[in-house]
Amino acid sequence: MFRNIACAAALVIAPLAVWAESTPAPDDASVYFINIADGDTVTSPVAIQFGLSGMGVAPAGTDKEFTGHHHILIDRAPYGEGDEDAEFAEYGIPGDDNHRHFGGGQTEVMLGLDPGTHTLQLVLGDMNHIPHNPSVVSEYITITVSE
């Protein structure tokens, strides 16, 4: 029994040591929305395509230089201005209604959004969901979902 608990604890604690350092990104790397732009009016579900230049896309857990996977921030402050953003560099981007993960290496999504105004921003995360250094983030855009 004790050995099972010790093994489980090691599996939880070991990844935290990896998360202590950010992964470098080339200075010219950029992430962007391909098919939507600031001010667009769309219908739900919204088809969103993610673009990336200067780096490659790889699933979460893939340890390969200059790669990462997409995260979309929804209806929250721009990256770097959110109360919890400093913690992302240590613990990774959380997964919740305002922070969606695409850890399978996906480059598009059909996103269900309620009618109204919404903000969106892409952030590239490394194998552990930690933003790169320097951060690779898209423009912060506002879209309107029509009824």
Protein backbone atom coordinates (compact mmCIF):
# COMPACT_ATOMS: atom_id res chain seq x y z
CA MET A 1 0.00 0.00 0.00
CA PHE A 2 2.72 2.50 1.00
CA ARG A 3 4.66 1.77 -2.19
CA ASN A 4 1.56 2.56 -4.29
CA ILE A 5 1.12 5.88 -2.48
CA ALA A 6 4.81 6.71 -2.92
CA CYS A 7 4.64 5.90 -6.65
CA ALA A 8 1.52 8.01 -7.07
CA ALA A 9 3.16 10.92 -5.24
CA ALA A 10 6.24 10.65 -7.46
CA LEU A 11 4.07 10.81 -10.57
CA VAL A 12 2.46 14.01 -9.31
CA ILE A 13 5.63 15.72 -8.05
CA ALA A 14 8.06 14.79 -10.86
CA PRO A 15 6.32 16.88 -13.56
CA LEU A 16 6.38 19.93 -11.29
CA ALA A 17 10.19 19.96 -11.45
CA VAL A 18 9.99 20.09 -15.24
CA TRP A 19 7.55 23.03 -15.09
CA ALA A 20 10.02 25.23 -13.24
CA GLU A 21 11.68 26.46 -16.46
CA SER A 22 10.15 28.06 -19.52
CA THR A 23 10.96 26.75 -22.98
CA PRO A 24 12.71 29.12 -25.39
CA ALA A 25 11.00 30.36 -28.54
CA PRO A 26 12.59 32.09 -31.51
CA ASP A 27 12.15 35.87 -31.40
CA ASP A 28 10.35 35.83 -34.76
CA ALA A 29 7.78 33.16 -33.83
CA SER A 30 4.15 34.22 -34.10
CA VAL A 31 0.71 32.72 -33.62
CA TYR A 32 -2.41 34.17 -35.23
CA PHE A 33 -6.02 33.59 -36.21
CA ILE A 34 -6.31 32.58 -39.85
CA ASN A 35 -10.00 33.03 -40.61
CA ILE A 36 -11.35 35.52 -38.06
CA ALA A 37 -10.32 39.05 -37.20
CA ASP A 38 -10.97 41.74 -34.65
CA GLY A 39 -14.47 43.15 -35.07
CA ASP A 40 -15.91 40.19 -37.01
CA THR A 41 -19.54 39.15 -36.54
CA VAL A 42 -19.95 35.37 -36.64
CA THR A 43 -22.48 32.63 -35.86
CA SER A 44 -22.05 29.84 -33.33
CA PRO A 45 -20.42 27.43 -33.45
CA VAL A 46 -17.49 29.52 -34.66
CA ALA A 47 -14.94 27.86 -36.92
CA ILE A 48 -11.52 29.06 -35.77
CA GLN A 49 -8.26 28.18 -37.51
CA PHE A 50 -4.93 28.72 -35.75
CA GLY A 51 -1.80 29.82 -37.61
CA LEU A 52 1.81 29.53 -36.45
CA SER A 53 5.05 30.68 -38.04
CA GLY A 54 8.65 30.30 -36.89
CA MET A 55 7.82 27.17 -34.85
CA GLY A 56 6.10 23.82 -35.26
CA VAL A 57 3.00 22.30 -33.71
CA ALA A 58 3.42 19.18 -31.55
CA PRO A 59 1.09 17.44 -29.10
CA ALA A 60 1.41 18.16 -25.39
CA GLY A 61 4.11 16.00 -23.84
CA THR A 62 6.31 16.15 -26.96
CA ASP A 63 9.79 17.35 -26.04
CA LYS A 64 11.04 18.81 -29.32
CA GLU A 65 12.83 22.13 -29.70
CA PHE A 66 10.80 25.06 -31.08
CA THR A 67 7.46 23.28 -30.95
CA GLY A 68 4.32 23.79 -28.90
CA HIS A 69 0.56 23.43 -28.94
CA HIS A 70 -2.25 25.94 -29.02
CA HIS A 71 -4.35 27.34 -26.19
CA ILE A 72 -7.19 29.79 -26.71
CA LEU A 73 -8.05 32.34 -24.04
CA ILE A 74 -11.72 33.26 -24.05
CA ASP A 75 -13.41 36.26 -22.38
CA ARG A 76 -10.56 37.20 -20.09
CA ALA A 77 -7.82 39.84 -19.91
CA PRO A 78 -5.09 39.81 -22.56
CA TYR A 79 -2.26 37.40 -21.76
CA GLY A 80 0.15 39.08 -19.36
CA GLU A 81 -2.58 41.20 -17.78
CA GLY A 82 -4.59 38.43 -16.08
CA ASP A 83 -4.29 37.98 -12.32
CA GLU A 84 -3.18 34.35 -12.70
CA ASP A 85 -0.86 34.77 -15.70
CA ALA A 86 2.36 34.87 -13.62
CA GLU A 87 1.49 31.39 -12.32
CA PHE A 88 1.29 30.02 -15.89
CA ALA A 89 5.10 30.21 -16.18
CA GLU A 90 5.41 27.87 -13.22
CA TYR A 91 2.35 25.61 -13.38
CA GLY A 92 1.12 25.86 -16.97
CA ILE A 93 -2.05 27.25 -18.49
CA PRO A 94 -5.10 25.83 -16.70
CA GLY A 95 -7.90 24.05 -18.52
CA ASP A 96 -11.30 25.66 -17.95
CA ASP A 97 -14.01 27.65 -19.76
CA ASN A 98 -11.65 30.61 -20.24
CA HIS A 99 -8.55 28.58 -21.16
CA ARG A 100 -9.03 25.86 -23.78
CA HIS A 101 -6.24 23.38 -24.56
CA PHE A 102 -5.44 21.81 -27.91
CA GLY A 103 -2.88 19.34 -26.59
CA GLY A 104 -3.44 16.91 -29.44
CA GLY A 105 -1.74 19.34 -31.79
CA GLN A 106 -5.05 20.59 -33.24
CA THR A 107 -4.92 23.68 -35.44
CA GLU A 108 -8.66 24.41 -35.61
CA VAL A 109 -11.82 24.18 -33.54
CA MET A 110 -15.57 24.62 -33.82
CA LEU A 111 -16.16 26.76 -30.73
CA GLY A 112 -19.64 27.09 -29.28
CA LEU A 113 -20.14 30.61 -27.95
CA ASP A 114 -23.29 32.30 -26.64
CA PRO A 115 -24.66 35.28 -28.58
CA GLY A 116 -22.90 38.52 -27.66
CA THR A 117 -19.40 39.96 -27.56
CA HIS A 118 -16.41 37.74 -26.83
CA THR A 119 -12.64 38.21 -26.64
CA LEU A 120 -10.17 35.65 -27.96
CA GLN A 121 -6.40 35.24 -27.88
CA LEU A 122 -4.09 32.38 -28.79
CA VAL A 123 -1.13 31.40 -26.61
CA LEU A 124 1.37 28.74 -27.60
CA GLY A 125 2.34 26.39 -24.78
CA ASP A 126 5.23 23.97 -24.51
CA MET A 127 5.02 20.26 -23.76
CA ASN A 128 3.78 21.09 -20.23
CA HIS A 129 1.29 23.86 -21.21
CA ILE A 130 3.77 26.56 -20.10
CA PRO A 131 4.02 29.63 -22.34
CA HIS A 132 7.36 29.93 -24.13
CA ASN A 133 9.97 32.58 -23.41
CA PRO A 134 9.48 34.95 -25.09
CA SER A 135 5.73 34.30 -25.07
CA VAL A 136 4.17 33.45 -28.42
CA VAL A 137 0.73 35.10 -28.35
CA SER A 138 -1.71 36.35 -30.94
CA GLU A 139 -3.45 39.66 -31.25
CA TYR A 140 -6.24 40.07 -28.67
CA ILE A 141 -9.45 40.20 -30.71
CA THR A 142 -13.10 40.92 -30.03
CA ILE A 143 -15.82 39.17 -32.03
CA THR A 144 -19.60 39.34 -31.91
CA VAL A 145 -21.69 36.18 -32.08
CA SER A 146 -25.06 36.95 -33.64
CA GLU A 147 -28.28 35.35 -32.43
